[in-house]
Amino acid sequence: MHYETIFDYTRAAPSWMPLLWLVGFVAFMFGIIFLKRRFAIFPISSRQARGLRGLVLGFVTFCLAFVVLGMVGQRVYLSKAIGEGRTQIAEGTVDDYASHKDGYERFTVQGVLFEYSDDGLTAGFNHTQSRGGPIRGGLQVRVTYVDGDSVAQNSIGRSIVKLEIAR
């Protein structure tokens, strides 16, 4: 049987979506502070505005560090696992497929459960059907994955590093 590679971690660019959300939040918060100063929408003093800017900057710095360290940690963990040959393969039919409107998807292949979300902070495959992803019930697939620890991986602890579909 011939398989077409749909996703390969070793060739995939990192997902920067969490950083884009963070940049949008920063722009929104500084926009509010600017509007206050420019148009006096909120009745707070310049000293309070400086304090608010400091608070927002501290919060954003914390969130940025959390997101970047999480992304880098996952990439390092998966790269090391692949390099050391700690991958496993499940080949067969997609069973127990379930796709939720909130961007969450789950299925099994040979009894191995896979779960992911479009918006999850993961370096592995996470493209759900609701956003054009390829997985559907009854599909013949070969999934290469890494079982991880709860620190380096997503909350499920399993990342798809290669997804192939039979053609």
Protein backbone atom coordinates (compact mmCIF):
# COMPACT_ATOMS: atom_id res chain seq x y z
CA MET A 1 0.00 0.00 0.00
CA HIS A 2 1.29 3.47 -0.92
CA TYR A 3 1.16 6.22 1.71
CA GLU A 4 1.26 9.97 1.11
CA THR A 5 2.93 12.04 3.83
CA ILE A 6 0.52 14.71 5.06
CA PHE A 7 2.56 15.98 8.01
CA ASP A 8 6.20 15.49 8.95
CA TYR A 9 7.50 17.20 12.08
CA THR A 10 11.06 17.24 10.76
CA ARG A 11 9.93 19.37 7.79
CA ALA A 12 7.20 21.43 9.45
CA ALA A 13 7.67 25.06 10.41
CA PRO A 14 6.80 25.88 14.01
CA SER A 15 3.32 27.23 14.70
CA TRP A 16 3.48 30.85 15.78
CA MET A 17 -0.27 31.23 16.38
CA PRO A 18 0.05 31.52 20.20
CA LEU A 19 2.53 34.36 19.72
CA LEU A 20 0.15 36.12 17.33
CA TRP A 21 -2.61 35.97 19.95
CA LEU A 22 -0.20 37.44 22.49
CA VAL A 23 0.84 40.27 20.15
CA GLY A 24 -2.83 41.05 19.54
CA PHE A 25 -3.48 41.22 23.27
CA VAL A 26 -0.50 43.53 23.77
CA ALA A 27 -1.70 45.82 20.99
CA PHE A 28 -5.18 45.91 22.52
CA MET A 29 -3.91 46.74 26.01
CA PHE A 30 -1.58 49.49 24.81
CA GLY A 31 -4.37 50.78 22.59
CA ILE A 32 -6.58 51.18 25.66
CA ILE A 33 -3.81 53.03 27.48
CA PHE A 34 -3.23 55.26 24.43
CA LEU A 35 -6.94 56.06 24.14
CA LYS A 36 -7.02 57.05 27.79
CA ARG A 37 -4.08 59.39 27.36
CA ARG A 38 -5.16 60.81 24.00
CA PHE A 39 -8.90 61.17 24.47
CA ALA A 40 -9.27 61.01 28.26
CA ILE A 41 -11.76 58.13 28.02
CA PHE A 42 -10.80 56.65 31.40
CA PRO A 43 -10.44 58.99 34.37
CA ILE A 44 -7.01 57.89 35.66
CA SER A 45 -3.90 59.92 36.34
CA SER A 46 -0.62 59.73 34.44
CA ARG A 47 0.91 57.96 37.42
CA GLN A 48 -1.84 55.32 37.32
CA ALA A 49 -1.37 54.97 33.57
CA ARG A 50 2.36 54.33 34.08
CA GLY A 51 1.52 51.72 36.71
CA LEU A 52 -0.99 50.09 34.37
CA ARG A 53 1.59 50.03 31.57
CA GLY A 54 4.08 48.38 33.94
CA LEU A 55 1.51 45.81 35.01
CA VAL A 56 0.59 45.02 31.41
CA LEU A 57 4.26 44.81 30.40
CA GLY A 58 5.01 42.43 33.30
CA PHE A 59 2.04 40.23 32.45
CA VAL A 60 2.95 40.16 28.76
CA THR A 61 6.58 39.32 29.56
CA PHE A 62 5.43 36.42 31.74
CA CYS A 63 3.04 35.12 29.04
CA LEU A 64 5.64 35.50 26.32
CA ALA A 65 8.21 33.57 28.35
CA PHE A 66 5.64 30.84 29.07
CA VAL A 67 4.64 30.47 25.42
CA VAL A 68 8.16 30.61 24.00
CA LEU A 69 9.61 28.21 26.58
CA GLY A 70 6.70 25.83 26.00
CA MET A 71 7.19 25.88 22.24
CA VAL A 72 10.97 25.50 22.44
CA GLY A 73 10.69 22.78 25.09
CA GLN A 74 8.36 20.72 22.94
CA ARG A 75 10.52 21.09 19.85
CA VAL A 76 13.65 20.07 21.77
CA TYR A 77 11.85 17.11 23.35
CA LEU A 78 10.42 15.84 20.05
CA SER A 79 13.67 16.34 18.14
CA LYS A 80 15.58 14.42 20.80
CA ALA A 81 12.98 11.62 20.86
CA ILE A 82 13.08 11.28 17.06
CA GLY A 83 16.88 11.35 17.04
CA GLU A 84 17.03 8.63 19.69
CA GLY A 85 14.47 6.47 17.83
CA ARG A 86 11.81 6.71 20.55
CA THR A 87 8.97 6.94 18.05
CA GLN A 88 6.19 4.40 17.69
CA ILE A 89 3.99 3.61 14.72
CA ALA A 90 0.27 2.84 14.61
CA GLU A 91 -0.96 1.69 11.21
CA GLY A 92 -4.53 0.91 10.34
CA THR A 93 -8.01 2.36 10.08
CA VAL A 94 -9.09 5.53 11.89
CA ASP A 95 -11.63 4.33 14.48
CA ASP A 96 -13.73 6.08 17.14
CA TYR A 97 -13.35 9.37 15.29
CA ALA A 98 -14.90 12.41 16.96
CA SER A 99 -14.59 16.05 15.91
CA HIS A 100 -15.96 18.82 18.10
CA LYS A 101 -17.00 22.30 16.99
CA ASP A 102 -14.57 23.87 19.45
CA GLY A 103 -11.61 22.67 17.35
CA TYR A 104 -10.91 19.47 19.28
CA GLU A 105 -10.45 16.09 17.60
CA ARG A 106 -9.84 12.52 18.77
CA PHE A 107 -9.50 9.11 17.17
CA THR A 108 -7.84 5.74 17.60
CA VAL A 109 -5.63 3.66 15.33
CA GLN A 110 -4.96 0.07 16.47
CA GLY A 111 -6.28 1.03 19.90
CA VAL A 112 -3.87 3.97 20.29
CA LEU A 113 -5.71 7.18 21.20
CA PHE A 114 -4.78 10.48 19.56
CA GLU A 115 -6.22 13.82 20.69
CA TYR A 116 -5.40 17.37 19.66
CA SER A 117 -6.81 20.83 19.15
CA ASP A 118 -6.29 23.50 16.49
CA ASP A 119 -5.46 26.03 19.17
CA GLY A 120 -3.31 23.77 21.33
CA LEU A 121 0.29 24.66 21.99
CA THR A 122 1.85 21.60 20.38
CA ALA A 123 4.71 20.99 17.97
CA GLY A 124 3.02 17.86 16.60
CA PHE A 125 0.17 17.48 14.13
CA ASN A 126 -2.98 19.34 15.20
CA HIS A 127 -4.95 20.22 12.06
CA THR A 128 -8.58 19.31 12.76
CA GLN A 129 -11.25 18.53 10.18
CA SER A 130 -13.22 21.65 11.17
CA ARG A 131 -10.34 23.70 9.74
CA GLY A 132 -9.66 21.54 6.70
CA GLY A 133 -7.67 18.74 8.31
CA PRO A 134 -7.43 15.34 6.58
CA ILE A 135 -8.50 12.90 9.33
CA ARG A 136 -11.88 11.17 8.92
CA GLY A 137 -13.37 8.00 10.24
CA GLY A 138 -12.52 4.85 8.25
CA LEU A 139 -9.40 6.38 6.69
CA GLN A 140 -6.35 4.10 6.30
CA VAL A 141 -3.39 5.85 8.00
CA ARG A 142 0.08 5.33 9.37
CA VAL A 143 0.79 7.52 12.40
CA THR A 144 4.28 7.96 13.80
CA TYR A 145 4.10 9.38 17.30
CA VAL A 146 6.05 10.12 20.46
CA ASP A 147 4.71 9.41 23.92
CA GLY A 148 5.90 12.20 26.16
CA ASP A 149 5.97 13.36 29.72
CA SER A 150 3.47 15.88 31.04
CA VAL A 151 6.05 18.68 31.18
CA ALA A 152 7.37 18.62 27.62
CA GLN A 153 4.20 17.52 25.85
CA ASN A 154 0.60 18.63 25.69
CA SER A 155 -1.79 17.51 28.41
CA ILE A 156 -2.45 14.23 26.60
CA GLY A 157 1.23 13.36 26.39
CA ARG A 158 1.25 12.03 22.83
CA SER A 159 2.40 13.97 19.75
CA ILE A 160 1.96 12.96 16.13
CA VAL A 161 5.30 13.56 14.43
CA LYS A 162 4.37 12.04 11.07
CA LEU A 163 1.00 11.41 9.49
CA GLU A 164 0.62 9.38 6.32
CA ILE A 165 -2.61 8.56 4.48
CA ALA A 166 -3.07 5.59 2.13
CA ARG A 167 -3.72 6.54 -1.51
